[in-house]
Amino acid sequence: MSEYRASKPSNPKDDWKLWLVVNPGTWLMPILMAVLVVALAVHAFVYANDSYNPLTFDASAVEASE
């Protein structure tokens, strides 16, 4: 086994090192597009299921069952 152990970054002093790997000029738009796809998937799931959909939720049925 190797005796070398990488030192943990002492944030925020070493935060700039992240941007050497993740160049925002290259990765910002793909990251934002991935976030958009996840948000659309979550919304599609919520609106496709009647039990989660606020547009088709029947509050009177819940009050009647209590």
N, C-alpha and C. Protein backbone atom coordinates (compact mmCIF):
# COMPACT_ATOMS: atom_id res chain seq x y z
N MET A 1 0.83 -1.19 0.00
CA MET A 1 0.00 0.00 0.00
C MET A 1 0.87 1.25 0.00
N SER A 2 0.37 2.22 -0.66
CA SER A 2 1.10 3.48 -0.74
C SER A 2 0.87 4.29 0.53
N GLU A 3 1.90 4.98 0.94
CA GLU A 3 1.81 5.81 2.14
C GLU A 3 1.28 7.22 1.83
N TYR A 4 1.15 7.52 0.54
CA TYR A 4 0.70 8.87 0.15
C TYR A 4 -0.79 9.03 0.41
N ARG A 5 -1.13 10.11 1.04
CA ARG A 5 -2.53 10.46 1.26
C ARG A 5 -2.74 11.88 0.76
N ALA A 6 -3.73 12.04 -0.09
CA ALA A 6 -4.02 13.37 -0.61
C ALA A 6 -4.57 14.24 0.51
N SER A 7 -4.11 15.47 0.56
CA SER A 7 -4.58 16.38 1.61
C SER A 7 -5.96 16.89 1.26
N LYS A 8 -6.79 17.02 2.26
CA LYS A 8 -8.13 17.55 2.05
C LYS A 8 -8.02 19.05 1.78
N PRO A 9 -8.82 19.56 0.86
CA PRO A 9 -8.75 20.99 0.58
C PRO A 9 -9.23 21.80 1.78
N SER A 10 -8.54 22.86 2.06
CA SER A 10 -8.94 23.73 3.17
C SER A 10 -9.79 24.86 2.58
N ASN A 11 -11.05 24.57 2.43
CA ASN A 11 -11.97 25.53 1.81
C ASN A 11 -12.16 26.74 2.70
N PRO A 12 -12.40 27.88 2.19
CA PRO A 12 -12.55 28.26 0.79
C PRO A 12 -11.23 28.62 0.11
N LYS A 13 -10.13 28.44 0.81
CA LYS A 13 -8.83 28.82 0.23
C LYS A 13 -8.53 28.04 -1.04
N ASP A 14 -8.93 26.76 -1.10
CA ASP A 14 -8.60 25.91 -2.24
C ASP A 14 -9.77 25.73 -3.21
N ASP A 15 -10.82 26.52 -3.10
CA ASP A 15 -11.97 26.36 -3.99
C ASP A 15 -11.62 26.63 -5.45
N TRP A 16 -10.66 27.45 -5.70
CA TRP A 16 -10.31 27.78 -7.08
C TRP A 16 -9.82 26.56 -7.84
N LYS A 17 -9.33 25.53 -7.14
CA LYS A 17 -8.82 24.34 -7.81
C LYS A 17 -9.93 23.56 -8.53
N LEU A 18 -11.16 23.66 -8.04
CA LEU A 18 -12.27 23.00 -8.70
C LEU A 18 -12.44 23.52 -10.13
N TRP A 19 -12.26 24.81 -10.32
CA TRP A 19 -12.49 25.40 -11.64
C TRP A 19 -11.36 25.11 -12.62
N LEU A 20 -10.27 24.51 -12.15
CA LEU A 20 -9.25 24.02 -13.07
C LEU A 20 -9.74 22.74 -13.77
N VAL A 21 -10.62 22.01 -13.10
CA VAL A 21 -11.16 20.77 -13.65
C VAL A 21 -12.50 21.02 -14.33
N VAL A 22 -13.38 21.77 -13.67
CA VAL A 22 -14.71 22.05 -14.19
C VAL A 22 -14.70 23.46 -14.76
N ASN A 23 -14.40 23.56 -16.03
CA ASN A 23 -14.35 24.86 -16.69
C ASN A 23 -15.77 25.30 -17.00
N PRO A 24 -16.24 26.42 -16.41
CA PRO A 24 -17.62 26.84 -16.64
C PRO A 24 -17.89 27.18 -18.11
N GLY A 25 -16.87 27.61 -18.84
CA GLY A 25 -17.07 27.89 -20.26
C GLY A 25 -17.43 26.64 -21.04
N THR A 26 -17.02 25.50 -20.55
CA THR A 26 -17.30 24.23 -21.23
C THR A 26 -18.50 23.53 -20.63
N TRP A 27 -18.61 23.51 -19.31
CA TRP A 27 -19.57 22.64 -18.64
C TRP A 27 -20.81 23.32 -18.10
N LEU A 28 -20.89 24.66 -18.11
CA LEU A 28 -22.04 25.33 -17.51
C LEU A 28 -23.33 24.99 -18.23
N MET A 29 -23.37 25.10 -19.55
CA MET A 29 -24.60 24.81 -20.28
C MET A 29 -25.00 23.34 -20.20
N PRO A 30 -24.08 22.38 -20.34
CA PRO A 30 -24.52 20.98 -20.16
C PRO A 30 -25.04 20.69 -18.75
N ILE A 31 -24.45 21.31 -17.74
CA ILE A 31 -24.94 21.11 -16.37
C ILE A 31 -26.34 21.70 -16.23
N LEU A 32 -26.56 22.90 -16.76
CA LEU A 32 -27.88 23.52 -16.67
C LEU A 32 -28.91 22.73 -17.48
N MET A 33 -28.52 22.17 -18.60
CA MET A 33 -29.44 21.34 -19.39
C MET A 33 -29.79 20.06 -18.64
N ALA A 34 -28.82 19.48 -17.94
CA ALA A 34 -29.10 18.29 -17.14
C ALA A 34 -30.06 18.62 -15.99
N VAL A 35 -29.89 19.77 -15.37
CA VAL A 35 -30.81 20.21 -14.31
C VAL A 35 -32.21 20.41 -14.88
N LEU A 36 -32.30 20.98 -16.08
CA LEU A 36 -33.60 21.16 -16.73
C LEU A 36 -34.27 19.83 -17.03
N VAL A 37 -33.51 18.85 -17.50
CA VAL A 37 -34.07 17.53 -17.80
C VAL A 37 -34.58 16.87 -16.52
N VAL A 38 -33.83 16.98 -15.43
CA VAL A 38 -34.28 16.41 -14.15
C VAL A 38 -35.55 17.10 -13.67
N ALA A 39 -35.61 18.42 -13.78
CA ALA A 39 -36.80 19.17 -13.35
C ALA A 39 -38.00 18.78 -14.20
N LEU A 40 -37.82 18.64 -15.51
CA LEU A 40 -38.93 18.24 -16.37
C LEU A 40 -39.39 16.82 -16.06
N ALA A 41 -38.45 15.94 -15.75
CA ALA A 41 -38.82 14.56 -15.40
C ALA A 41 -39.62 14.52 -14.11
N VAL A 42 -39.20 15.30 -13.12
CA VAL A 42 -39.94 15.34 -11.85
C VAL A 42 -41.34 15.90 -12.07
N HIS A 43 -41.45 16.98 -12.84
CA HIS A 43 -42.76 17.56 -13.09
C HIS A 43 -43.65 16.60 -13.90
N ALA A 44 -43.07 15.91 -14.87
CA ALA A 44 -43.84 14.95 -15.65
C ALA A 44 -44.36 13.83 -14.76
N PHE A 45 -43.54 13.37 -13.83
CA PHE A 45 -43.99 12.33 -12.90
C PHE A 45 -45.12 12.83 -12.01
N VAL A 46 -44.97 14.04 -11.49
CA VAL A 46 -45.98 14.57 -10.57
C VAL A 46 -47.30 14.79 -11.28
N TYR A 47 -47.27 15.37 -12.47
CA TYR A 47 -48.52 15.66 -13.17
C TYR A 47 -49.12 14.42 -13.83
N ALA A 48 -48.37 13.35 -14.00
CA ALA A 48 -48.91 12.13 -14.58
C ALA A 48 -49.65 11.28 -13.55
N ASN A 49 -49.37 11.45 -12.27
CA ASN A 49 -50.01 10.67 -11.22
C ASN A 49 -51.08 11.51 -10.54
N ASP A 50 -52.31 11.00 -10.53
CA ASP A 50 -53.43 11.76 -9.97
C ASP A 50 -53.29 12.00 -8.48
N SER A 51 -52.61 11.11 -7.78
CA SER A 51 -52.49 11.29 -6.33
C SER A 51 -51.53 12.43 -5.97
N TYR A 52 -50.65 12.82 -6.89
CA TYR A 52 -49.72 13.92 -6.64
C TYR A 52 -50.10 15.19 -7.39
N ASN A 53 -50.96 15.08 -8.37
CA ASN A 53 -51.29 16.20 -9.25
C ASN A 53 -52.21 17.19 -8.54
N PRO A 54 -51.75 18.44 -8.33
CA PRO A 54 -52.60 19.42 -7.66
C PRO A 54 -53.77 19.88 -8.53
N LEU A 55 -53.70 19.66 -9.83
CA LEU A 55 -54.78 20.10 -10.71
C LEU A 55 -55.98 19.16 -10.67
N THR A 56 -55.75 17.90 -10.34
CA THR A 56 -56.85 16.92 -10.29
C THR A 56 -57.11 16.42 -8.89
N PHE A 57 -56.46 16.97 -7.88
CA PHE A 57 -56.63 16.50 -6.50
C PHE A 57 -57.99 16.92 -5.97
N ASP A 58 -58.70 15.98 -5.38
CA ASP A 58 -60.02 16.24 -4.84
C ASP A 58 -59.95 16.34 -3.32
N ALA A 59 -59.95 17.59 -2.83
CA ALA A 59 -59.82 17.80 -1.39
C ALA A 59 -61.07 17.36 -0.65
N SER A 60 -62.22 17.41 -1.27
CA SER A 60 -63.46 17.00 -0.58
C SER A 60 -63.45 15.51 -0.29
N ALA A 61 -62.79 14.70 -1.12
CA ALA A 61 -62.71 13.26 -0.85
C ALA A 61 -61.85 12.99 0.36
N VAL A 62 -60.82 13.79 0.57
CA VAL A 62 -59.97 13.61 1.75
C VAL A 62 -60.72 14.01 3.01
N GLU A 63 -61.48 15.10 2.95
CA GLU A 63 -62.25 15.55 4.12
C GLU A 63 -63.36 14.55 4.46
N ALA A 64 -63.95 13.93 3.45
CA ALA A 64 -65.03 12.97 3.68
C ALA A 64 -64.49 11.70 4.34
N SER A 65 -63.26 11.32 4.03
CA SER A 65 -62.72 10.09 4.61
C SER A 65 -62.27 10.27 6.05
N GLU A 66 -62.12 11.49 6.51
CA GLU A 66 -61.66 11.73 7.89
C GLU A 66 -62.78 11.70 8.89
